Amino acid sequence: MDYRGILEVVSSVKKDYEQKQTKKTMILDALLLYTLVTGIVQFLYVVFVGTFPFNSFLSSFICHVGLFALGVSLRLQLTGRDGDFKATSPERAFADFSFCALVLFFVVVSFMG
């Protein structure tokens, strides 16, 4: 198997991503990646270890899924190419994200008990 071709493609994609994206978008993408990986780790933990504190797992998993959805929505609002969200300013988009994330965290904490 030729790994050099795969490495060249990955290197090209990374270089193109770093040139075309802003620092804010990269930070948001890092948050999305962290949220996704943490949610997957929690799910694998429940699959292999068990679901003893089920409310805690469920609330945490819902928090990760919700935060991921809110983050994707924020990224679409900040980098939307087709003009759907151009009426929304970046400050307003971030304020909406912050308010919705705060409501999500309150719901998660109240669900945990």
PDB file of N, CA and C in Angstrom:
ATOM      1  N   MET A   1       0.834  -1.172   0.000  1.00  0.00           N
ATOM      2  CA  MET A   1       0.000   0.000   0.000  1.00  0.00           C
ATOM      3  C   MET A   1       0.886   1.244   0.000  1.00  0.00           C
ATOM      4  N   ASP A   2       0.540   2.212  -0.810  1.00  0.00           N
ATOM      5  CA  ASP A   2       1.339   3.422  -0.964  1.00  0.00           C
ATOM      6  C   ASP A   2       0.834   4.503  -0.007  1.00  0.00           C
ATOM      7  N   TYR A   3       1.574   4.692   1.089  1.00  0.00           N
ATOM      8  CA  TYR A   3       1.179   5.682   2.087  1.00  0.00           C
ATOM      9  C   TYR A   3       1.605   7.094   1.705  1.00  0.00           C
ATOM     10  N   ARG A   4       2.553   7.209   0.786  1.00  0.00           N
ATOM     11  CA  ARG A   4       3.017   8.540   0.385  1.00  0.00           C
ATOM     12  C   ARG A   4       1.905   9.338  -0.279  1.00  0.00           C
ATOM     13  N   GLY A   5       1.084   8.687  -1.074  1.00  0.00           N
ATOM     14  CA  GLY A   5      -0.031   9.360  -1.735  1.00  0.00           C
ATOM     15  C   GLY A   5      -1.054   9.856  -0.731  1.00  0.00           C
ATOM     16  N   ILE A   6      -1.327   9.040   0.279  1.00  0.00           N
ATOM     17  CA  ILE A   6      -2.275   9.431   1.327  1.00  0.00           C
ATOM     18  C   ILE A   6      -1.717  10.593   2.124  1.00  0.00           C
ATOM     19  N   LEU A   7      -0.433  10.533   2.458  1.00  0.00           N
ATOM     20  CA  LEU A   7       0.195  11.621   3.212  1.00  0.00           C
ATOM     21  C   LEU A   7       0.206  12.923   2.409  1.00  0.00           C
ATOM     22  N   GLU A   8       0.411  12.820   1.109  1.00  0.00           N
ATOM     23  CA  GLU A   8       0.385  14.016   0.270  1.00  0.00           C
ATOM     24  C   GLU A   8      -1.008  14.637   0.230  1.00  0.00           C
ATOM     25  N   VAL A   9      -2.025  13.814   0.137  1.00  0.00           N
ATOM     26  CA  VAL A   9      -3.400  14.319   0.122  1.00  0.00           C
ATOM     27  C   VAL A   9      -3.738  14.981   1.451  1.00  0.00           C
ATOM     28  N   VAL A  10      -3.393  14.336   2.559  1.00  0.00           N
ATOM     29  CA  VAL A  10      -3.660  14.907   3.880  1.00  0.00           C
ATOM     30  C   VAL A  10      -2.904  16.211   4.056  1.00  0.00           C
ATOM     31  N   SER A  11      -1.655  16.253   3.614  1.00  0.00           N
ATOM     32  CA  SER A  11      -0.854  17.470   3.713  1.00  0.00           C
ATOM     33  C   SER A  11      -1.450  18.582   2.864  1.00  0.00           C
ATOM     34  N   SER A  12      -1.917  18.245   1.690  1.00  0.00           N
ATOM     35  CA  SER A  12      -2.521  19.248   0.805  1.00  0.00           C
ATOM     36  C   SER A  12      -3.823  19.795   1.399  1.00  0.00           C
ATOM     37  N   VAL A  13      -4.643  18.921   1.949  1.00  0.00           N
ATOM     38  CA  VAL A  13      -5.902  19.361   2.566  1.00  0.00           C
ATOM     39  C   VAL A  13      -5.619  20.245   3.775  1.00  0.00           C
ATOM     40  N   LYS A  14      -4.648  19.867   4.590  1.00  0.00           N
ATOM     41  CA  LYS A  14      -4.306  20.661   5.770  1.00  0.00           C
ATOM     42  C   LYS A  14      -3.784  22.043   5.374  1.00  0.00           C
ATOM     43  N   LYS A  15      -2.929  22.080   4.375  1.00  0.00           N
ATOM     44  CA  LYS A  15      -2.361  23.350   3.913  1.00  0.00           C
ATOM     45  C   LYS A  15      -3.455  24.256   3.349  1.00  0.00           C
ATOM     46  N   ASP A  16      -4.358  23.687   2.572  1.00  0.00           N
ATOM     47  CA  ASP A  16      -5.466  24.455   2.007  1.00  0.00           C
ATOM     48  C   ASP A  16      -6.397  24.972   3.105  1.00  0.00           C
ATOM     49  N   TYR A  17      -6.669  24.126   4.110  1.00  0.00           N
ATOM     50  CA  TYR A  17      -7.520  24.519   5.232  1.00  0.00           C
ATOM     51  C   TYR A  17      -6.894  25.681   6.006  1.00  0.00           C
ATOM     52  N   GLU A  18      -5.601  25.602   6.279  1.00  0.00           N
ATOM     53  CA  GLU A  18      -4.931  26.651   7.047  1.00  0.00           C
ATOM     54  C   GLU A  18      -4.863  27.960   6.280  1.00  0.00           C
ATOM     55  N   GLN A  19      -4.809  27.909   4.955  1.00  0.00           N
ATOM     56  CA  GLN A  19      -4.738  29.128   4.160  1.00  0.00           C
ATOM     57  C   GLN A  19      -6.099  29.807   4.019  1.00  0.00           C
ATOM     58  N   LYS A  20      -7.170  29.024   3.930  1.00  0.00           N
ATOM     59  CA  LYS A  20      -8.484  29.592   3.623  1.00  0.00           C
ATOM     60  C   LYS A  20      -9.330  29.921   4.853  1.00  0.00           C
ATOM     61  N   GLN A  21      -9.030  29.357   6.008  1.00  0.00           N
ATOM     62  CA  GLN A  21      -9.855  29.574   7.191  1.00  0.00           C
ATOM     63  C   GLN A  21      -9.226  30.610   8.112  1.00  0.00           C
ATOM     64  N   THR A  22     -10.089  31.321   8.826  1.00  0.00           N
ATOM     65  CA  THR A  22      -9.617  32.294   9.799  1.00  0.00           C
ATOM     66  C   THR A  22      -9.312  31.595  11.121  1.00  0.00           C
ATOM     67  N   LYS A  23      -8.642  32.312  12.022  1.00  0.00           N
ATOM     68  CA  LYS A  23      -8.321  31.734  13.340  1.00  0.00           C
ATOM     69  C   LYS A  23      -9.592  31.429  14.125  1.00  0.00           C
ATOM     70  N   LYS A  24     -10.594  32.297  14.031  1.00  0.00           N
ATOM     71  CA  LYS A  24     -11.852  32.065  14.748  1.00  0.00           C
ATOM     72  C   LYS A  24     -12.530  30.780  14.279  1.00  0.00           C
ATOM     73  N   THR A  25     -12.515  30.556  12.979  1.00  0.00           N
ATOM     74  CA  THR A  25     -13.121  29.342  12.441  1.00  0.00           C
ATOM     75  C   THR A  25     -12.335  28.106  12.870  1.00  0.00           C
ATOM     76  N   MET A  26     -11.010  28.223  12.915  1.00  0.00           N
ATOM     77  CA  MET A  26     -10.190  27.090  13.357  1.00  0.00           C
ATOM     78  C   MET A  26     -10.448  26.765  14.826  1.00  0.00           C
ATOM     79  N   ILE A  27     -10.621  27.795  15.644  1.00  0.00           N
ATOM     80  CA  ILE A  27     -10.922  27.566  17.063  1.00  0.00           C
ATOM     81  C   ILE A  27     -12.289  26.899  17.204  1.00  0.00           C
ATOM     82  N   LEU A  28     -13.257  27.354  16.432  1.00  0.00           N
ATOM     83  CA  LEU A  28     -14.588  26.749  16.470  1.00  0.00           C
ATOM     84  C   LEU A  28     -14.537  25.299  15.988  1.00  0.00           C
ATOM     85  N   ASP A  29     -13.750  25.028  14.956  1.00  0.00           N
ATOM     86  CA  ASP A  29     -13.587  23.652  14.486  1.00  0.00           C
ATOM     87  C   ASP A  29     -12.916  22.774  15.540  1.00  0.00           C
ATOM     88  N   ALA A  30     -11.969  23.346  16.277  1.00  0.00           N
ATOM     89  CA  ALA A  30     -11.330  22.580  17.360  1.00  0.00           C
ATOM     90  C   ALA A  30     -12.341  22.255  18.453  1.00  0.00           C
ATOM     91  N   LEU A  31     -13.225  23.205  18.769  1.00  0.00           N
ATOM     92  CA  LEU A  31     -14.285  22.938  19.750  1.00  0.00           C
ATOM     93  C   LEU A  31     -15.213  21.837  19.255  1.00  0.00           C
ATOM     94  N   LEU A  32     -15.576  21.889  17.987  1.00  0.00           N
ATOM     95  CA  LEU A  32     -16.447  20.856  17.423  1.00  0.00           C
ATOM     96  C   LEU A  32     -15.780  19.483  17.442  1.00  0.00           C
ATOM     97  N   LEU A  33     -14.506  19.441  17.099  1.00  0.00           N
ATOM     98  CA  LEU A  33     -13.786  18.170  17.128  1.00  0.00           C
ATOM     99  C   LEU A  33     -13.688  17.623  18.547  1.00  0.00           C
ATOM    100  N   TYR A  34     -13.384  18.497  19.507  1.00  0.00           N
ATOM    101  CA  TYR A  34     -13.299  18.068  20.903  1.00  0.00           C
ATOM    102  C   TYR A  34     -14.648  17.537  21.394  1.00  0.00           C
ATOM    103  N   THR A  35     -15.721  18.243  21.054  1.00  0.00           N
ATOM    104  CA  THR A  35     -17.056  17.806  21.470  1.00  0.00           C
ATOM    105  C   THR A  35     -17.405  16.461  20.847  1.00  0.00           C
ATOM    106  N   LEU A  36     -17.083  16.281  19.581  1.00  0.00           N
ATOM    107  CA  LEU A  36     -17.370  15.023  18.901  1.00  0.00           C
ATOM    108  C   LEU A  36     -16.585  13.867  19.511  1.00  0.00           C
ATOM    109  N   VAL A  37     -15.294  14.063  19.725  1.00  0.00           N
ATOM    110  CA  VAL A  37     -14.449  12.992  20.273  1.00  0.00           C
ATOM    111  C   VAL A  37     -14.881  12.646  21.705  1.00  0.00           C
ATOM    112  N   THR A  38     -15.183  13.641  22.506  1.00  0.00           N
ATOM    113  CA  THR A  38     -15.613  13.374  23.876  1.00  0.00           C
ATOM    114  C   THR A  38     -16.943  12.629  23.912  1.00  0.00           C
ATOM    115  N   GLY A  39     -17.860  12.990  23.031  1.00  0.00           N
ATOM    116  CA  GLY A  39     -19.132  12.271  22.952  1.00  0.00           C
ATOM    117  C   GLY A  39     -18.945  10.825  22.538  1.00  0.00           C
ATOM    118  N   ILE A  40     -18.044  10.584  21.579  1.00  0.00           N
ATOM    119  CA  ILE A  40     -17.766   9.214  21.142  1.00  0.00           C
ATOM    120  C   ILE A  40     -17.131   8.408  22.273  1.00  0.00           C
ATOM    121  N   VAL A  41     -16.201   9.020  23.006  1.00  0.00           N
ATOM    122  CA  VAL A  41     -15.565   8.322  24.137  1.00  0.00           C
ATOM    123  C   VAL A  41     -16.598   7.974  25.203  1.00  0.00           C
ATOM    124  N   GLN A  42     -17.508   8.885  25.495  1.00  0.00           N
ATOM    125  CA  GLN A  42     -18.550   8.592  26.479  1.00  0.00           C
ATOM    126  C   GLN A  42     -19.450   7.456  26.006  1.00  0.00           C
ATOM    127  N   PHE A  43     -19.808   7.474  24.734  1.00  0.00           N
ATOM    128  CA  PHE A  43     -20.659   6.412  24.211  1.00  0.00           C
ATOM    129  C   PHE A  43     -19.952   5.059  24.274  1.00  0.00           C
ATOM    130  N   LEU A  44     -18.674   5.031  23.903  1.00  0.00           N
ATOM    131  CA  LEU A  44     -17.926   3.778  23.982  1.00  0.00           C
ATOM    132  C   LEU A  44     -17.781   3.296  25.424  1.00  0.00           C
ATOM    133  N   TYR A  45     -17.627   4.229  26.353  1.00  0.00           N
ATOM    134  CA  TYR A  45     -17.548   3.861  27.757  1.00  0.00           C
ATOM    135  C   TYR A  45     -18.835   3.171  28.207  1.00  0.00           C
ATOM    136  N   VAL A  46     -19.959   3.715  27.805  1.00  0.00           N
ATOM    137  CA  VAL A  46     -21.236   3.122  28.197  1.00  0.00           C
ATOM    138  C   VAL A  46     -21.424   1.764  27.537  1.00  0.00           C
ATOM    139  N   VAL A  47     -20.986   1.625  26.302  1.00  0.00           N
ATOM    140  CA  VAL A  47     -21.137   0.346  25.608  1.00  0.00           C
ATOM    141  C   VAL A  47     -20.296  -0.735  26.280  1.00  0.00           C
ATOM    142  N   PHE A  48     -19.058  -0.404  26.651  1.00  0.00           N
ATOM    143  CA  PHE A  48     -18.159  -1.421  27.180  1.00  0.00           C
ATOM    144  C   PHE A  48     -18.222  -1.578  28.693  1.00  0.00           C
ATOM    145  N   VAL A  49     -18.521  -0.532  29.446  1.00  0.00           N
ATOM    146  CA  VAL A  49     -18.495  -0.617  30.904  1.00  0.00           C
ATOM    147  C   VAL A  49     -19.887  -0.793  31.493  1.00  0.00           C
ATOM    148  N   GLY A  50     -20.839  -0.022  31.020  1.00  0.00           N
ATOM    149  CA  GLY A  50     -22.196  -0.147  31.536  1.00  0.00           C
ATOM    150  C   GLY A  50     -22.836   1.215  31.737  1.00  0.00           C
ATOM    151  N   THR A  51     -24.111   1.185  32.097  1.00  0.00           N
ATOM    152  CA  THR A  51     -24.879   2.429  32.208  1.00  0.00           C
ATOM    153  C   THR A  51     -25.358   2.662  33.632  1.00  0.00           C
ATOM    154  N   PHE A  52     -24.480   2.470  34.621  1.00  0.00           N
ATOM    155  CA  PHE A  52     -24.948   2.583  36.006  1.00  0.00           C
ATOM    156  C   PHE A  52     -25.565   3.942  36.320  1.00  0.00           C
ATOM    157  N   PRO A  53     -24.850   5.038  36.232  1.00  0.00           N
ATOM    158  CA  PRO A  53     -25.555   6.313  36.448  1.00  0.00           C
ATOM    159  C   PRO A  53     -26.140   6.793  35.120  1.00  0.00           C
ATOM    160  N   PHE A  54     -27.280   6.201  34.727  1.00  0.00           N
ATOM    161  CA  PHE A  54     -27.814   6.436  33.387  1.00  0.00           C
ATOM    162  C   PHE A  54     -28.199   7.899  33.168  1.00  0.00           C
ATOM    163  N   ASN A  55     -28.767   8.564  34.186  1.00  0.00           N
ATOM    164  CA  ASN A  55     -29.126   9.978  34.025  1.00  0.00           C
ATOM    165  C   ASN A  55     -27.891  10.830  33.760  1.00  0.00           C
ATOM    166  N   SER A  56     -26.803  10.518  34.428  1.00  0.00           N
ATOM    167  CA  SER A  56     -25.575  11.286  34.212  1.00  0.00           C
ATOM    168  C   SER A  56     -25.053  11.090  32.797  1.00  0.00           C
ATOM    169  N   PHE A  57     -25.045   9.837  32.342  1.00  0.00           N
ATOM    170  CA  PHE A  57     -24.597   9.599  30.969  1.00  0.00           C
ATOM    171  C   PHE A  57     -25.506  10.282  29.966  1.00  0.00           C
ATOM    172  N   LEU A  58     -26.801  10.119  30.152  1.00  0.00           N
ATOM    173  CA  LEU A  58     -27.745  10.667  29.186  1.00  0.00           C
ATOM    174  C   LEU A  58     -27.666  12.191  29.130  1.00  0.00           C
ATOM    175  N   SER A  59     -27.583  12.822  30.274  1.00  0.00           N
ATOM    176  CA  SER A  59     -27.503  14.283  30.273  1.00  0.00           C
ATOM    177  C   SER A  59     -26.191  14.764  29.662  1.00  0.00           C
ATOM    178  N   SER A  60     -25.097  14.091  29.953  1.00  0.00           N
ATOM    179  CA  SER A  60     -23.815  14.483  29.379  1.00  0.00           C
ATOM    180  C   SER A  60     -23.795  14.259  27.874  1.00  0.00           C
ATOM    181  N   PHE A  61     -24.340  13.151  27.428  1.00  0.00           N
ATOM    182  CA  PHE A  61     -24.361  12.867  25.996  1.00  0.00           C
ATOM    183  C   PHE A  61     -25.264  13.853  25.259  1.00  0.00           C
ATOM    184  N   ILE A  62     -26.402  14.179  25.856  1.00  0.00           N
ATOM    185  CA  ILE A  62     -27.296  15.185  25.269  1.00  0.00           C
ATOM    186  C   ILE A  62     -26.593  16.534  25.212  1.00  0.00           C
ATOM    187  N   CYS A  63     -25.821  16.854  26.233  1.00  0.00           N
ATOM    188  CA  CYS A  63     -25.069  18.105  26.248  1.00  0.00           C
ATOM    189  C   CYS A  63     -24.057  18.145  25.102  1.00  0.00           C
ATOM    190  N   HIS A  64     -23.364  17.049  24.879  1.00  0.00           N
ATOM    191  CA  HIS A  64     -22.378  17.020  23.791  1.00  0.00           C
ATOM    192  C   HIS A  64     -23.052  17.115  22.424  1.00  0.00           C
ATOM    193  N   VAL A  65     -24.135  16.397  22.239  1.00  0.00           N
ATOM    194  CA  VAL A  65     -24.838  16.453  20.957  1.00  0.00           C
ATOM    195  C   VAL A  65     -25.415  17.856  20.729  1.00  0.00           C
ATOM    196  N   GLY A  66     -26.003  18.439  21.774  1.00  0.00           N
ATOM    197  CA  GLY A  66     -26.562  19.777  21.648  1.00  0.00           C
ATOM    198  C   GLY A  66     -25.504  20.829  21.386  1.00  0.00           C
ATOM    199  N   LEU A  67     -24.395  20.743  22.093  1.00  0.00           N
ATOM    200  CA  LEU A  67     -23.313  21.708  21.891  1.00  0.00           C
ATOM    201  C   LEU A  67     -22.713  21.559  20.496  1.00  0.00           C
ATOM    202  N   PHE A  68     -22.620  20.332  20.005  1.00  0.00           N
ATOM    203  CA  PHE A  68     -22.128  20.123  18.646  1.00  0.00           C
ATOM    204  C   PHE A  68     -23.079  20.749  17.627  1.00  0.00           C
ATOM    205  N   ALA A  69     -24.375  20.551  17.817  1.00  0.00           N
ATOM    206  CA  ALA A  69     -25.354  21.138  16.897  1.00  0.00           C
ATOM    207  C   ALA A  69     -25.313  22.664  16.948  1.00  0.00           C
ATOM    208  N   LEU A  70     -25.196  23.230  18.144  1.00  0.00           N
ATOM    209  CA  LEU A  70     -25.099  24.682  18.265  1.00  0.00           C
ATOM    210  C   LEU A  70     -23.816  25.205  17.625  1.00  0.00           C
ATOM    211  N   GLY A  71     -22.727  24.479  17.784  1.00  0.00           N
ATOM    212  CA  GLY A  71     -21.461  24.885  17.182  1.00  0.00           C
ATOM    213  C   GLY A  71     -21.504  24.843  15.659  1.00  0.00           C
ATOM    214  N   VAL A  72     -22.134  23.822  15.105  1.00  0.00           N
ATOM    215  CA  VAL A  72     -22.269  23.739  13.652  1.00  0.00           C
ATOM    216  C   VAL A  72     -23.143  24.887  13.152  1.00  0.00           C
ATOM    217  N   SER A  73     -24.192  25.196  13.888  1.00  0.00           N
ATOM    218  CA  SER A  73     -25.042  26.326  13.513  1.00  0.00           C
ATOM    219  C   SER A  73     -24.265  27.639  13.543  1.00  0.00           C
ATOM    220  N   LEU A  74     -23.439  27.828  14.569  1.00  0.00           N
ATOM    221  CA  LEU A  74     -22.616  29.033  14.644  1.00  0.00           C
ATOM    222  C   LEU A  74     -21.628  29.093  13.485  1.00  0.00           C
ATOM    223  N   ARG A  75     -21.026  27.967  13.162  1.00  0.00           N
ATOM    224  CA  ARG A  75     -20.067  27.950  12.043  1.00  0.00           C
ATOM    225  C   ARG A  75     -20.762  28.272  10.733  1.00  0.00           C
ATOM    226  N   LEU A  76     -21.967  27.750  10.540  1.00  0.00           N
ATOM    227  CA  LEU A  76     -22.713  28.069   9.329  1.00  0.00           C
ATOM    228  C   LEU A  76     -23.060  29.556   9.270  1.00  0.00           C
ATOM    229  N   GLN A  77     -23.405  30.131  10.406  1.00  0.00           N
ATOM    230  CA  GLN A  77     -23.736  31.551  10.423  1.00  0.00           C
ATOM    231  C   GLN A  77     -22.509  32.409  10.162  1.00  0.00           C
ATOM    232  N   LEU A  78     -21.356  31.983  10.637  1.00  0.00           N
ATOM    233  CA  LEU A  78     -20.141  32.785  10.453  1.00  0.00           C
ATOM    234  C   LEU A  78     -19.527  32.627   9.073  1.00  0.00           C
ATOM    235  N   THR A  79     -19.656  31.451   8.470  1.00  0.00           N
ATOM    236  CA  THR A  79     -18.986  31.191   7.193  1.00  0.00           C
ATOM    237  C   THR A  79     -19.950  30.789   6.092  1.00  0.00           C
ATOM    238  N   GLY A  80     -21.226  31.109   6.232  1.00  0.00           N
ATOM    239  CA  GLY A  80     -22.199  30.725   5.210  1.00  0.00           C
ATOM    240  C   GLY A  80     -21.866  31.331   3.861  1.00  0.00           C
ATOM    241  N   ARG A  81     -21.731  30.509   2.860  1.00  0.00           N
ATOM    242  CA  ARG A  81     -21.339  30.966   1.528  1.00  0.00           C
ATOM    243  C   ARG A  81     -22.545  31.343   0.663  1.00  0.00           C
ATOM    244  N   ASP A  82     -23.696  30.758   0.956  1.00  0.00           N
ATOM    245  CA  ASP A  82     -24.824  30.955   0.058  1.00  0.00           C
ATOM    246  C   ASP A  82     -25.728  32.118   0.471  1.00  0.00           C
ATOM    247  N   GLY A  83     -25.363  32.883   1.467  1.00  0.00           N
ATOM    248  CA  GLY A  83     -26.106  34.079   1.816  1.00  0.00           C
ATOM    249  C   GLY A  83     -27.307  33.863   2.700  1.00  0.00           C
ATOM    250  N   ASP A  84     -27.496  32.679   3.232  1.00  0.00           N
ATOM    251  CA  ASP A  84     -28.662  32.436   4.078  1.00  0.00           C
ATOM    252  C   ASP A  84     -28.609  33.233   5.365  1.00  0.00           C
ATOM    253  N   PHE A  85     -27.414  33.378   5.942  1.00  0.00           N
ATOM    254  CA  PHE A  85     -27.287  34.018   7.238  1.00  0.00           C
ATOM    255  C   PHE A  85     -26.588  35.378   7.141  1.00  0.00           C
ATOM    256  N   LYS A  86     -26.541  35.978   5.983  1.00  0.00           N
ATOM    257  CA  LYS A  86     -25.803  37.234   5.849  1.00  0.00           C
ATOM    258  C   LYS A  86     -26.469  38.384   6.593  1.00  0.00           C
ATOM    259  N   ALA A  87     -27.738  38.281   6.920  1.00  0.00           N
ATOM    260  CA  ALA A  87     -28.404  39.341   7.672  1.00  0.00           C
ATOM    261  C   ALA A  87     -27.991  39.321   9.147  1.00  0.00           C
ATOM    262  N   THR A  88     -27.384  38.225   9.595  1.00  0.00           N
ATOM    263  CA  THR A  88     -26.965  38.084  10.980  1.00  0.00           C
ATOM    264  C   THR A  88     -25.505  38.504  11.113  1.00  0.00           C
ATOM    265  N   SER A  89     -25.241  39.406  12.047  1.00  0.00           N
ATOM    266  CA  SER A  89     -23.866  39.826  12.282  1.00  0.00           C
ATOM    267  C   SER A  89     -23.139  38.753  13.087  1.00  0.00           C
ATOM    268  N   PRO A  90     -21.808  38.708  13.017  1.00  0.00           N
ATOM    269  CA  PRO A  90     -21.055  37.718  13.801  1.00  0.00           C
ATOM    270  C   PRO A  90     -21.275  37.885  15.306  1.00  0.00           C
ATOM    271  N   GLU A  91     -21.423  39.112  15.765  1.00  0.00           N
ATOM    272  CA  GLU A  91     -21.668  39.341  17.193  1.00  0.00           C
ATOM    273  C   GLU A  91     -23.021  38.773  17.609  1.00  0.00           C
ATOM    274  N   ARG A  92     -24.030  38.956  16.764  1.00  0.00           N
ATOM    275  CA  ARG A  92     -25.356  38.426  17.057  1.00  0.00           C
ATOM    276  C   ARG A  92     -25.347  36.899  17.030  1.00  0.00           C
ATOM    277  N   ALA A  93     -24.636  36.317  16.068  1.00  0.00           N
ATOM    278  CA  ALA A  93     -24.545  34.860  15.976  1.00  0.00           C
ATOM    279  C   ALA A  93     -23.880  34.285  17.224  1.00  0.00           C
ATOM    280  N   PHE A  94     -22.797  34.925  17.691  1.00  0.00           N
ATOM    281  CA  PHE A  94     -22.128  34.439  18.891  1.00  0.00           C
ATOM    282  C   PHE A  94     -23.003  34.631  20.128  1.00  0.00           C
ATOM    283  N   ALA A  95     -23.756  35.732  20.194  1.00  0.00           N
ATOM    284  CA  ALA A  95     -24.669  35.953  21.325  1.00  0.00           C
ATOM    285  C   ALA A  95     -25.768  34.887  21.339  1.00  0.00           C
ATOM    286  N   ASP A  96     -26.304  34.548  20.164  1.00  0.00           N
ATOM    287  CA  ASP A  96     -27.310  33.485  20.081  1.00  0.00           C
ATOM    288  C   ASP A  96     -26.728  32.147  20.531  1.00  0.00           C
ATOM    289  N   PHE A  97     -25.504  31.848  20.075  1.00  0.00           N
ATOM    290  CA  PHE A  97     -24.838  30.618  20.471  1.00  0.00           C
ATOM    291  C   PHE A  97     -24.632  30.572  21.986  1.00  0.00           C
ATOM    292  N   SER A  98     -24.164  31.669  22.560  1.00  0.00           N
ATOM    293  CA  SER A  98     -23.904  31.718  24.002  1.00  0.00           C
ATOM    294  C   SER A  98     -25.183  31.539  24.802  1.00  0.00           C
ATOM    295  N   PHE A  99     -26.252  32.215  24.401  1.00  0.00           N
ATOM    296  CA  PHE A  99     -27.526  32.097  25.126  1.00  0.00           C
ATOM    297  C   PHE A  99     -28.074  30.673  25.028  1.00  0.00           C
ATOM    298  N   CYS A 100     -28.070  30.103  23.837  1.00  0.00           N
ATOM    299  CA  CYS A 100     -28.586  28.743  23.675  1.00  0.00           C
ATOM    300  C   CYS A 100     -27.733  27.717  24.422  1.00  0.00           C
ATOM    301  N   ALA A 101     -26.411  27.911  24.440  1.00  0.00           N
ATOM    302  CA  ALA A 101     -25.546  27.003  25.187  1.00  0.00           C
ATOM    303  C   ALA A 101     -25.812  27.116  26.685  1.00  0.00           C
ATOM    304  N   LEU A 102     -26.047  28.316  27.161  1.00  0.00           N
ATOM    305  CA  LEU A 102     -26.368  28.510  28.576  1.00  0.00           C
ATOM    306  C   LEU A 102     -27.682  27.821  28.943  1.00  0.00           C
ATOM    307  N   VAL A 103     -28.690  27.962  28.098  1.00  0.00           N
ATOM    308  CA  VAL A 103     -29.966  27.274  28.338  1.00  0.00           C
ATOM    309  C   VAL A 103     -29.756  25.762  28.300  1.00  0.00           C
ATOM    310  N   LEU A 104     -28.971  25.284  27.347  1.00  0.00           N
ATOM    311  CA  LEU A 104     -28.681  23.845  27.256  1.00  0.00           C
ATOM    312  C   LEU A 104     -28.004  23.345  28.528  1.00  0.00           C
ATOM    313  N   PHE A 105     -27.032  24.090  29.049  1.00  0.00           N
ATOM    314  CA  PHE A 105     -26.336  23.671  30.262  1.00  0.00           C
ATOM    315  C   PHE A 105     -27.276  23.648  31.466  1.00  0.00           C
ATOM    316  N   PHE A 106     -28.188  24.623  31.576  1.00  0.00           N
ATOM    317  CA  PHE A 106     -29.162  24.615  32.666  1.00  0.00           C
ATOM    318  C   PHE A 106     -30.103  23.409  32.569  1.00  0.00           C
ATOM    319  N   VAL A 107     -30.515  23.078  31.360  1.00  0.00           N
ATOM    320  CA  VAL A 107     -31.378  21.912  31.177  1.00  0.00           C
ATOM    321  C   VAL A 107     -30.643  20.629  31.550  1.00  0.00           C
ATOM    322  N   VAL A 108     -29.388  20.525  31.170  1.00  0.00           N
ATOM    323  CA  VAL A 108     -28.592  19.338  31.471  1.00  0.00           C
ATOM    324  C   VAL A 108     -28.394  19.193  32.975  1.00  0.00           C
ATOM    325  N   VAL A 109     -28.067  20.297  33.639  1.00  0.00           N
ATOM    326  CA  VAL A 109     -27.847  20.246  35.092  1.00  0.00           C
ATOM    327  C   VAL A 109     -29.140  19.880  35.814  1.00  0.00           C
ATOM    328  N   SER A 110     -30.273  20.423  35.361  1.00  0.00           N
ATOM    329  CA  SER A 110     -31.540  20.081  36.021  1.00  0.00           C
ATOM    330  C   SER A 110     -31.934  18.639  35.739  1.00  0.00           C
ATOM    331  N   PHE A 111     -31.559  18.092  34.581  1.00  0.00           N
ATOM    332  CA  PHE A 111     -31.876  16.706  34.278  1.00  0.00           C
ATOM    333  C   PHE A 111     -31.039  15.744  35.120  1.00  0.00           C
ATOM    334  N   MET A 112     -29.801  16.144  35.427  1.00  0.00           N
ATOM    335  CA  MET A 112     -28.953  15.264  36.232  1.00  0.00           C
ATOM    336  C   MET A 112     -29.499  15.088  37.643  1.00  0.00           C
ATOM    337  N   GLY A 113     -30.206  16.079  38.121  1.00  0.00           N
ATOM    338  CA  GLY A 113     -30.806  15.927  39.445  1.00  0.00           C
ATOM    339  C   GLY A 113     -30.189  16.748  40.440  1.00  0.00           C
TER     340      GLY A 113
END
